[in-house]
Amino acid sequence: MSDMLRIGAESLTVEEADRLYPNDKIEVIDGVVHMMAPPSVRHQRLVLKMGSKFDAFFNGKACQPYLEIGVRLNRHKRVIPDLVVVCDREKMDDAGCNGAPDLVVEVLSPSNSDYDIGEKKALYQSHGVREYWVLDPDRGTGIRWVWDTGKLEAGENKVSIVKDKIESVIFPGLVVDIL
């Protein structure tokens, strides 16, 4: 069974998509609705474990982690990453995050790997996400893209493939087990 179903070819705004699918978990990219299926138990266990680790790491700090919130990048683009870290509290409201989070984490499911590594990676990079992790709990591996450390030249990016553990570049000391 697919984790995601792409609906429609016309360009919808996030608000229009929410009116059409009020009870569904949806992402909207360039006006196209992506219906999200419930994640697997293994996927949820890893997200929960990471959420706990992130919550402890960021406790008392300006930057804060959030699980599965809507991230509105513009009126035709809203995604729901597994986990984000947002340092600018002005971006946050009751509906989620307005603009790019600092760190985005996606946990792969078999049917969404191309979507997370392709379309969503390009979206996050083009909208100013500083660091992006894609984790594969079945293989115990992850890919980390870093687009802004304050040390990279404009347009340059750093990509790393990791096994078992992943460490943030923009948040030194934040280390998470992938398994």
N, C-alpha and C. Protein backbone atom coordinates (compact mmCIF):
# COMPACT_ATOMS: atom_id res chain seq x y z
N MET A 1 0.84 -1.18 0.00
CA MET A 1 0.00 0.00 0.00
C MET A 1 0.88 1.24 0.00
N SER A 2 0.50 2.22 -0.74
CA SER A 2 1.28 3.45 -0.83
C SER A 2 1.07 4.33 0.39
N ASP A 3 2.12 5.01 0.81
CA ASP A 3 2.03 5.96 1.92
C ASP A 3 1.46 7.29 1.47
N MET A 4 1.41 7.51 0.16
CA MET A 4 1.07 8.83 -0.33
C MET A 4 0.33 8.69 -1.65
N LEU A 5 -0.66 9.52 -1.86
CA LEU A 5 -1.42 9.55 -3.09
C LEU A 5 -1.43 10.98 -3.59
N ARG A 6 -0.97 11.19 -4.82
CA ARG A 6 -0.94 12.53 -5.41
C ARG A 6 -2.29 12.80 -6.06
N ILE A 7 -2.91 13.93 -5.72
CA ILE A 7 -4.25 14.24 -6.20
C ILE A 7 -4.24 15.52 -7.01
N GLY A 8 -4.82 15.49 -8.18
CA GLY A 8 -5.10 16.70 -8.93
C GLY A 8 -3.94 17.29 -9.68
N ALA A 9 -4.25 18.01 -10.73
CA ALA A 9 -3.23 18.68 -11.52
C ALA A 9 -3.37 20.20 -11.45
N GLU A 10 -4.51 20.67 -10.92
CA GLU A 10 -4.67 22.12 -10.85
C GLU A 10 -3.96 22.66 -9.62
N SER A 11 -3.61 23.92 -9.68
CA SER A 11 -2.83 24.54 -8.62
C SER A 11 -3.75 25.08 -7.52
N LEU A 12 -3.77 24.37 -6.39
CA LEU A 12 -4.58 24.78 -5.25
C LEU A 12 -3.72 25.53 -4.24
N THR A 13 -4.35 26.45 -3.51
CA THR A 13 -3.67 27.05 -2.37
C THR A 13 -3.79 26.06 -1.21
N VAL A 14 -3.00 26.27 -0.18
CA VAL A 14 -3.09 25.44 1.02
C VAL A 14 -4.48 25.56 1.63
N GLU A 15 -5.03 26.77 1.67
CA GLU A 15 -6.36 26.98 2.25
C GLU A 15 -7.44 26.24 1.46
N GLU A 16 -7.37 26.28 0.13
CA GLU A 16 -8.33 25.56 -0.70
C GLU A 16 -8.23 24.05 -0.47
N ALA A 17 -7.02 23.55 -0.40
CA ALA A 17 -6.82 22.11 -0.18
C ALA A 17 -7.37 21.70 1.18
N ASP A 18 -7.18 22.53 2.19
CA ASP A 18 -7.71 22.22 3.52
C ASP A 18 -9.24 22.18 3.52
N ARG A 19 -9.85 23.05 2.73
CA ARG A 19 -11.33 23.03 2.64
C ARG A 19 -11.81 21.78 1.92
N LEU A 20 -11.08 21.34 0.90
CA LEU A 20 -11.47 20.14 0.15
C LEU A 20 -11.23 18.85 0.95
N TYR A 21 -10.20 18.84 1.78
CA TYR A 21 -9.81 17.64 2.53
C TYR A 21 -9.66 17.99 4.02
N PRO A 22 -10.74 18.39 4.68
CA PRO A 22 -10.63 18.92 6.05
C PRO A 22 -10.20 17.89 7.10
N ASN A 23 -10.41 16.63 6.85
CA ASN A 23 -10.09 15.61 7.85
C ASN A 23 -8.91 14.73 7.46
N ASP A 24 -8.19 15.13 6.42
CA ASP A 24 -7.09 14.31 5.92
C ASP A 24 -5.74 14.97 6.22
N LYS A 25 -4.74 14.13 6.40
CA LYS A 25 -3.37 14.61 6.54
C LYS A 25 -2.84 14.80 5.12
N ILE A 26 -2.65 16.07 4.73
CA ILE A 26 -2.22 16.37 3.37
C ILE A 26 -1.02 17.31 3.36
N GLU A 27 -0.23 17.16 2.32
CA GLU A 27 0.82 18.12 2.00
C GLU A 27 0.42 18.75 0.67
N VAL A 28 0.82 19.99 0.46
CA VAL A 28 0.54 20.70 -0.78
C VAL A 28 1.86 21.24 -1.30
N ILE A 29 2.25 20.81 -2.49
CA ILE A 29 3.49 21.30 -3.10
C ILE A 29 3.15 21.80 -4.49
N ASP A 30 3.42 23.07 -4.70
CA ASP A 30 3.10 23.74 -5.97
C ASP A 30 1.65 23.53 -6.34
N GLY A 31 0.78 23.58 -5.34
CA GLY A 31 -0.65 23.48 -5.57
C GLY A 31 -1.18 22.07 -5.78
N VAL A 32 -0.32 21.06 -5.71
CA VAL A 32 -0.73 19.66 -5.87
C VAL A 32 -0.84 19.03 -4.50
N VAL A 33 -1.97 18.36 -4.24
CA VAL A 33 -2.23 17.74 -2.95
C VAL A 33 -1.60 16.35 -2.91
N HIS A 34 -0.90 16.08 -1.81
CA HIS A 34 -0.32 14.76 -1.55
C HIS A 34 -0.99 14.22 -0.30
N MET A 35 -1.78 13.16 -0.44
CA MET A 35 -2.48 12.53 0.69
C MET A 35 -1.47 11.63 1.41
N MET A 36 -1.41 11.77 2.72
CA MET A 36 -0.45 11.01 3.51
C MET A 36 -1.17 9.89 4.27
N ALA A 37 -0.66 8.68 4.15
CA ALA A 37 -1.20 7.53 4.88
C ALA A 37 -0.56 7.48 6.27
N PRO A 38 -1.17 6.79 7.21
CA PRO A 38 -0.55 6.66 8.53
C PRO A 38 0.81 5.96 8.42
N PRO A 39 1.79 6.41 9.21
CA PRO A 39 3.12 5.79 9.17
C PRO A 39 3.11 4.43 9.86
N SER A 40 4.15 3.66 9.59
CA SER A 40 4.30 2.34 10.23
C SER A 40 4.65 2.51 11.71
N VAL A 41 4.52 1.45 12.45
CA VAL A 41 4.88 1.47 13.87
C VAL A 41 6.37 1.76 14.03
N ARG A 42 7.21 1.14 13.22
CA ARG A 42 8.67 1.38 13.31
C ARG A 42 8.99 2.85 13.05
N HIS A 43 8.34 3.42 12.06
CA HIS A 43 8.52 4.84 11.73
C HIS A 43 8.15 5.70 12.94
N GLN A 44 6.99 5.45 13.52
CA GLN A 44 6.53 6.22 14.66
C GLN A 44 7.42 6.06 15.89
N ARG A 45 7.93 4.87 16.12
CA ARG A 45 8.83 4.63 17.26
C ARG A 45 10.09 5.48 17.13
N LEU A 46 10.67 5.54 15.92
CA LEU A 46 11.87 6.34 15.71
C LEU A 46 11.56 7.83 15.88
N VAL A 47 10.44 8.29 15.36
CA VAL A 47 10.06 9.70 15.50
C VAL A 47 9.85 10.04 16.97
N LEU A 48 9.17 9.16 17.71
CA LEU A 48 8.94 9.39 19.13
C LEU A 48 10.26 9.45 19.91
N LYS A 49 11.16 8.51 19.61
CA LYS A 49 12.46 8.49 20.27
C LYS A 49 13.25 9.76 19.97
N MET A 50 13.23 10.19 18.71
CA MET A 50 13.92 11.43 18.35
C MET A 50 13.29 12.63 19.03
N GLY A 51 11.96 12.66 19.07
CA GLY A 51 11.26 13.78 19.71
C GLY A 51 11.67 13.93 21.16
N SER A 52 11.78 12.81 21.86
CA SER A 52 12.20 12.83 23.26
C SER A 52 13.63 13.35 23.40
N LYS A 53 14.51 12.87 22.53
CA LYS A 53 15.92 13.31 22.54
C LYS A 53 16.02 14.81 22.21
N PHE A 54 15.29 15.25 21.19
CA PHE A 54 15.31 16.66 20.80
C PHE A 54 14.74 17.53 21.91
N ASP A 55 13.65 17.08 22.53
CA ASP A 55 13.03 17.86 23.60
C ASP A 55 14.01 18.08 24.75
N ALA A 56 14.73 17.04 25.13
CA ALA A 56 15.72 17.17 26.21
C ALA A 56 16.88 18.08 25.79
N PHE A 57 17.36 17.93 24.55
CA PHE A 57 18.48 18.73 24.07
C PHE A 57 18.14 20.22 24.02
N PHE A 58 16.95 20.55 23.56
CA PHE A 58 16.57 21.95 23.37
C PHE A 58 15.85 22.55 24.57
N ASN A 59 15.70 21.80 25.65
CA ASN A 59 15.02 22.32 26.84
C ASN A 59 15.72 23.59 27.35
N GLY A 60 14.94 24.66 27.48
CA GLY A 60 15.48 25.92 27.98
C GLY A 60 16.22 26.75 26.95
N LYS A 61 16.24 26.30 25.68
CA LYS A 61 16.94 27.03 24.62
C LYS A 61 15.93 27.77 23.75
N ALA A 62 16.42 28.74 23.00
CA ALA A 62 15.54 29.52 22.12
C ALA A 62 14.95 28.65 21.01
N CYS A 63 15.75 27.77 20.45
CA CYS A 63 15.27 26.87 19.39
C CYS A 63 14.42 25.77 20.02
N GLN A 64 13.33 25.38 19.33
CA GLN A 64 12.43 24.37 19.87
C GLN A 64 12.07 23.34 18.80
N PRO A 65 11.94 22.06 19.22
CA PRO A 65 11.54 21.00 18.28
C PRO A 65 10.02 20.84 18.25
N TYR A 66 9.51 20.39 17.11
CA TYR A 66 8.08 20.13 16.93
C TYR A 66 7.93 18.87 16.09
N LEU A 67 6.95 18.03 16.45
CA LEU A 67 6.65 16.81 15.70
C LEU A 67 5.46 17.03 14.78
N GLU A 68 5.62 16.63 13.53
CA GLU A 68 4.53 16.59 12.55
C GLU A 68 3.64 17.83 12.53
N ILE A 69 4.26 19.00 12.43
CA ILE A 69 3.48 20.24 12.30
C ILE A 69 3.47 20.68 10.84
N GLY A 70 2.47 21.46 10.50
CA GLY A 70 2.42 22.02 9.16
C GLY A 70 3.49 23.09 9.01
N VAL A 71 4.23 23.01 7.92
CA VAL A 71 5.25 24.01 7.58
C VAL A 71 4.80 24.68 6.29
N ARG A 72 4.33 25.93 6.41
CA ARG A 72 3.84 26.67 5.26
C ARG A 72 5.00 27.49 4.67
N LEU A 73 5.40 27.14 3.46
CA LEU A 73 6.51 27.83 2.82
C LEU A 73 6.01 28.97 1.93
N ASN A 74 4.80 28.84 1.42
CA ASN A 74 4.07 29.92 0.74
C ASN A 74 2.64 29.45 0.59
N ARG A 75 1.80 30.20 -0.11
CA ARG A 75 0.37 29.83 -0.16
C ARG A 75 0.08 28.57 -0.97
N HIS A 76 1.06 28.08 -1.74
CA HIS A 76 0.88 26.86 -2.53
C HIS A 76 1.76 25.71 -2.03
N LYS A 77 2.41 25.91 -0.89
CA LYS A 77 3.33 24.87 -0.39
C LYS A 77 3.22 24.72 1.12
N ARG A 78 2.77 23.53 1.54
CA ARG A 78 2.78 23.18 2.96
C ARG A 78 3.15 21.71 3.06
N VAL A 79 4.12 21.43 3.89
CA VAL A 79 4.55 20.06 4.13
C VAL A 79 4.39 19.75 5.61
N ILE A 80 4.42 18.46 5.93
CA ILE A 80 4.29 18.03 7.32
C ILE A 80 5.46 17.09 7.61
N PRO A 81 6.63 17.65 7.92
CA PRO A 81 7.79 16.80 8.22
C PRO A 81 7.57 16.02 9.52
N ASP A 82 8.36 14.98 9.69
CA ASP A 82 8.27 14.20 10.93
C ASP A 82 8.71 15.01 12.13
N LEU A 83 9.76 15.80 11.97
CA LEU A 83 10.29 16.59 13.08
C LEU A 83 10.97 17.83 12.51
N VAL A 84 10.80 18.96 13.17
CA VAL A 84 11.50 20.19 12.78
C VAL A 84 12.04 20.87 14.03
N VAL A 85 13.04 21.71 13.82
CA VAL A 85 13.53 22.60 14.86
C VAL A 85 13.42 24.02 14.32
N VAL A 86 12.78 24.88 15.10
CA VAL A 86 12.57 26.28 14.70
C VAL A 86 13.22 27.18 15.75
N CYS A 87 14.09 28.08 15.29
CA CYS A 87 14.77 28.99 16.21
C CYS A 87 14.10 30.37 16.28
N ASP A 88 13.36 30.73 15.26
CA ASP A 88 12.67 32.02 15.23
C ASP A 88 11.22 31.81 15.65
N ARG A 89 10.91 32.11 16.90
CA ARG A 89 9.56 31.87 17.42
C ARG A 89 8.50 32.71 16.74
N GLU A 90 8.92 33.78 16.05
CA GLU A 90 7.97 34.61 15.31
C GLU A 90 7.35 33.83 14.14
N LYS A 91 7.99 32.77 13.71
CA LYS A 91 7.47 31.94 12.62
C LYS A 91 6.33 31.04 13.06
N MET A 92 6.17 30.85 14.38
CA MET A 92 5.22 29.87 14.89
C MET A 92 3.86 30.48 15.20
N ASP A 93 2.80 29.75 14.87
CA ASP A 93 1.44 30.07 15.30
C ASP A 93 0.73 28.75 15.59
N ASP A 94 -0.54 28.80 15.91
CA ASP A 94 -1.27 27.58 16.27
C ASP A 94 -1.36 26.58 15.12
N ALA A 95 -1.26 27.05 13.89
CA ALA A 95 -1.34 26.16 12.73
C ALA A 95 0.00 25.54 12.37
N GLY A 96 1.11 26.02 12.95
CA GLY A 96 2.42 25.46 12.64
C GLY A 96 3.47 26.52 12.42
N CYS A 97 4.30 26.29 11.42
CA CYS A 97 5.45 27.15 11.13
C CYS A 97 5.23 27.88 9.81
N ASN A 98 5.44 29.19 9.83
CA ASN A 98 5.35 30.01 8.63
C ASN A 98 6.76 30.32 8.16
N GLY A 99 7.23 29.61 7.17
CA GLY A 99 8.59 29.78 6.68
C GLY A 99 9.43 28.54 6.99
N ALA A 100 10.69 28.61 6.62
CA ALA A 100 11.57 27.46 6.73
C ALA A 100 12.04 27.23 8.17
N PRO A 101 11.91 25.99 8.66
CA PRO A 101 12.54 25.64 9.93
C PRO A 101 14.06 25.62 9.75
N ASP A 102 14.77 25.57 10.85
CA ASP A 102 16.23 25.50 10.77
C ASP A 102 16.70 24.08 10.45
N LEU A 103 16.06 23.09 11.05
CA LEU A 103 16.39 21.68 10.83
C LEU A 103 15.10 20.95 10.52
N VAL A 104 15.12 20.09 9.50
CA VAL A 104 13.98 19.24 9.15
C VAL A 104 14.47 17.80 9.15
N VAL A 105 13.65 16.91 9.74
CA VAL A 105 13.95 15.47 9.76
C VAL A 105 12.77 14.72 9.15
N GLU A 106 13.07 13.85 8.19
CA GLU A 106 12.08 12.96 7.60
C GLU A 106 12.55 11.52 7.80
N VAL A 107 11.62 10.65 8.21
CA VAL A 107 11.90 9.22 8.35
C VAL A 107 11.28 8.54 7.14
N LEU A 108 12.09 7.76 6.43
CA LEU A 108 11.62 7.12 5.21
C LEU A 108 10.64 5.99 5.48
N SER A 109 9.69 5.87 4.58
CA SER A 109 8.85 4.69 4.44
C SER A 109 9.14 4.16 3.04
N PRO A 110 8.91 2.88 2.78
CA PRO A 110 9.28 2.33 1.47
C PRO A 110 8.73 3.11 0.28
N SER A 111 7.53 3.62 0.38
CA SER A 111 6.92 4.27 -0.79
C SER A 111 7.19 5.77 -0.87
N ASN A 112 7.83 6.38 0.15
CA ASN A 112 8.03 7.83 0.07
C ASN A 112 9.49 8.24 -0.08
N SER A 113 10.40 7.29 -0.27
CA SER A 113 11.82 7.65 -0.30
C SER A 113 12.17 8.58 -1.45
N ASP A 114 11.64 8.33 -2.65
CA ASP A 114 11.93 9.22 -3.77
C ASP A 114 11.38 10.63 -3.52
N TYR A 115 10.21 10.71 -2.92
CA TYR A 115 9.56 11.99 -2.61
C TYR A 115 10.39 12.78 -1.59
N ASP A 116 10.83 12.12 -0.50
CA ASP A 116 11.59 12.81 0.54
C ASP A 116 13.00 13.19 0.09
N ILE A 117 13.64 12.32 -0.71
CA ILE A 117 15.01 12.58 -1.14
C ILE A 117 15.05 13.48 -2.38
N GLY A 118 13.99 13.49 -3.16
CA GLY A 118 13.95 14.31 -4.36
C GLY A 118 13.19 15.60 -4.18
N GLU A 119 11.87 15.52 -4.33
CA GLU A 119 11.02 16.72 -4.34
C GLU A 119 11.11 17.53 -3.05
N LYS A 120 11.01 16.85 -1.90
CA LYS A 120 11.04 17.60 -0.64
C LYS A 120 12.42 18.15 -0.33
N LYS A 121 13.47 17.43 -0.66
CA LYS A 121 14.83 17.95 -0.45
C LYS A 121 15.02 19.24 -1.24
N ALA A 122 14.63 19.24 -2.51
CA ALA A 122 14.76 20.45 -3.34
C ALA A 122 13.93 21.59 -2.77
N LEU A 123 12.73 21.27 -2.29
CA LEU A 123 11.86 22.28 -1.70
C LEU A 123 12.51 22.90 -0.46
N TYR A 124 13.01 22.06 0.44
CA TYR A 124 13.64 22.56 1.66
C TYR A 124 14.87 23.40 1.35
N GLN A 125 15.69 22.94 0.43
CA GLN A 125 16.89 23.69 0.08
C GLN A 125 16.54 25.05 -0.52
N SER A 126 15.56 25.08 -1.40
CA SER A 126 15.23 26.34 -2.08
C SER A 126 14.52 27.34 -1.17
N HIS A 127 13.97 26.86 -0.04
CA HIS A 127 13.25 27.77 0.85
C HIS A 127 14.03 28.14 2.12
N GLY A 128 15.28 27.72 2.22
CA GLY A 128 16.12 28.22 3.31
C GLY A 128 16.28 27.33 4.53
N VAL A 129 15.88 26.05 4.44
CA VAL A 129 16.18 25.13 5.54
C VAL A 129 17.69 25.00 5.63
N ARG A 130 18.22 25.07 6.83
CA ARG A 130 19.68 25.06 7.01
C ARG A 130 20.26 23.65 7.02
N GLU A 131 19.50 22.68 7.56
CA GLU A 131 19.99 21.30 7.65
C GLU A 131 18.80 20.37 7.47
N TYR A 132 19.02 19.28 6.72
CA TYR A 132 17.95 18.33 6.40
C TYR A 132 18.47 16.91 6.58
N TRP A 133 17.74 16.12 7.37
CA TRP A 133 18.07 14.71 7.58
C TRP A 133 16.99 13.85 6.96
N VAL A 134 17.40 12.78 6.28
CA VAL A 134 16.50 11.73 5.83
C VAL A 134 17.02 10.44 6.44
N LEU A 135 16.19 9.79 7.27
CA LEU A 135 16.62 8.61 8.01
C LEU A 135 15.88 7.37 7.52
N ASP A 136 16.63 6.28 7.38
CA ASP A 136 16.07 4.99 6.96
C ASP A 136 16.20 4.02 8.12
N PRO A 137 15.14 3.83 8.91
CA PRO A 137 15.24 2.96 10.08
C PRO A 137 15.45 1.49 9.73
N ASP A 138 15.03 1.07 8.54
CA ASP A 138 15.22 -0.32 8.15
C ASP A 138 16.68 -0.65 7.90
N ARG A 139 17.44 0.33 7.40
CA ARG A 139 18.87 0.11 7.12
C ARG A 139 19.78 0.70 8.20
N GLY A 140 19.21 1.51 9.09
CA GLY A 140 20.03 2.16 10.11
C GLY A 140 20.95 3.21 9.52
N THR A 141 20.52 3.83 8.41
CA THR A 141 21.36 4.83 7.75
C THR A 141 20.61 6.15 7.64
N GLY A 142 21.36 7.18 7.35
CA GLY A 142 20.77 8.49 7.16
C GLY A 142 21.60 9.31 6.20
N ILE A 143 20.97 10.30 5.62
CA ILE A 143 21.65 11.28 4.77
C ILE A 143 21.42 12.64 5.40
N ARG A 144 22.48 13.41 5.53
CA ARG A 144 22.39 14.75 6.13
C ARG A 144 22.88 15.76 5.10
N TRP A 145 22.02 16.71 4.76
CA TRP A 145 22.40 17.82 3.91
C TRP A 145 22.52 19.06 4.79
N VAL A 146 23.58 19.81 4.61
CA VAL A 146 23.76 21.06 5.34
C VAL A 146 23.97 22.16 4.30
N TRP A 147 23.08 23.15 4.34
CA TRP A 147 23.16 24.21 3.35
C TRP A 147 23.60 25.53 3.95
N ASP A 148 23.62 25.65 5.28
CA ASP A 148 24.03 26.92 5.88
C ASP A 148 24.64 26.67 7.25
N THR A 149 25.93 26.75 7.32
CA THR A 149 26.60 26.63 8.61
C THR A 149 27.27 27.94 8.99
N GLY A 150 27.17 28.92 8.11
CA GLY A 150 27.91 30.16 8.33
C GLY A 150 29.33 30.04 7.81
N LYS A 151 29.72 28.83 7.40
CA LYS A 151 31.07 28.59 6.92
C LYS A 151 31.10 28.24 5.43
N LEU A 152 29.93 27.90 4.87
CA LEU A 152 29.89 27.50 3.48
C LEU A 152 29.72 28.71 2.58
N GLU A 153 30.25 28.61 1.38
CA GLU A 153 30.06 29.66 0.38
C GLU A 153 28.62 29.60 -0.12
N ALA A 154 28.13 30.70 -0.65
CA ALA A 154 26.77 30.74 -1.19
C ALA A 154 26.60 29.67 -2.26
N GLY A 155 25.51 28.92 -2.18
CA GLY A 155 25.23 27.89 -3.17
C GLY A 155 25.91 26.56 -2.89
N GLU A 156 26.87 26.54 -1.98
CA GLU A 156 27.58 25.31 -1.65
C GLU A 156 26.74 24.50 -0.66
N ASN A 157 26.86 23.19 -0.72
CA ASN A 157 26.19 22.36 0.27
C ASN A 157 27.09 21.23 0.69
N LYS A 158 26.79 20.67 1.83
CA LYS A 158 27.58 19.58 2.38
C LYS A 158 26.62 18.41 2.59
N VAL A 159 26.96 17.25 2.06
CA VAL A 159 26.12 16.08 2.22
C VAL A 159 26.95 14.97 2.85
N SER A 160 26.35 14.26 3.80
CA SER A 160 27.03 13.16 4.47
C SER A 160 26.09 11.97 4.56
N ILE A 161 26.63 10.79 4.38
CA ILE A 161 25.87 9.56 4.59
C ILE A 161 26.39 8.95 5.88
N VAL A 162 25.48 8.61 6.79
CA VAL A 162 25.88 8.13 8.11
C VAL A 162 25.23 6.78 8.40
N LYS A 163 25.79 6.07 9.37
CA LYS A 163 25.26 4.77 9.78
C LYS A 163 25.07 4.77 11.29
N ASP A 164 23.96 4.24 11.76
CA ASP A 164 23.63 4.04 13.17
C ASP A 164 23.32 5.31 13.95
N LYS A 165 24.12 6.37 13.79
CA LYS A 165 23.91 7.63 14.51
C LYS A 165 24.04 8.79 13.54
N ILE A 166 23.34 9.88 13.87
CA ILE A 166 23.46 11.09 13.07
C ILE A 166 23.66 12.26 14.02
N GLU A 167 24.55 13.17 13.64
CA GLU A 167 24.86 14.34 14.46
C GLU A 167 24.60 15.60 13.67
N SER A 168 23.99 16.57 14.31
CA SER A 168 23.71 17.84 13.66
C SER A 168 24.98 18.65 13.52
N VAL A 169 25.08 19.35 12.41
CA VAL A 169 26.18 20.29 12.18
C VAL A 169 25.81 21.65 12.77
N ILE A 170 24.56 22.08 12.58
CA ILE A 170 24.19 23.42 13.04
C ILE A 170 23.86 23.46 14.53
N PHE A 171 23.62 22.28 15.14
CA PHE A 171 23.37 22.19 16.59
C PHE A 171 24.39 21.21 17.19
N PRO A 172 25.63 21.66 17.41
CA PRO A 172 26.67 20.76 17.92
C PRO A 172 26.22 20.07 19.22
N GLY A 173 26.50 18.78 19.28
CA GLY A 173 26.15 17.99 20.47
C GLY A 173 24.83 17.24 20.33
N LEU A 174 24.02 17.59 19.32
CA LEU A 174 22.77 16.87 19.08
C LEU A 174 23.08 15.62 18.26
N VAL A 175 23.02 14.46 18.91
CA VAL A 175 23.31 13.17 18.29
C VAL A 175 22.12 12.25 18.54
N VAL A 176 21.68 11.55 17.48
CA VAL A 176 20.52 10.69 17.58
C VAL A 176 20.84 9.32 16.98
N ASP A 177 20.41 8.26 17.67
CA ASP A 177 20.50 6.90 17.12
C ASP A 177 19.45 6.74 16.03
N ILE A 178 19.84 6.14 14.92
CA ILE A 178 18.91 5.94 13.82
C ILE A 178 18.09 4.66 14.01
N LEU A 179 18.67 3.67 14.65
CA LEU A 179 17.97 2.39 14.83
C LEU A 179 16.97 2.44 15.96
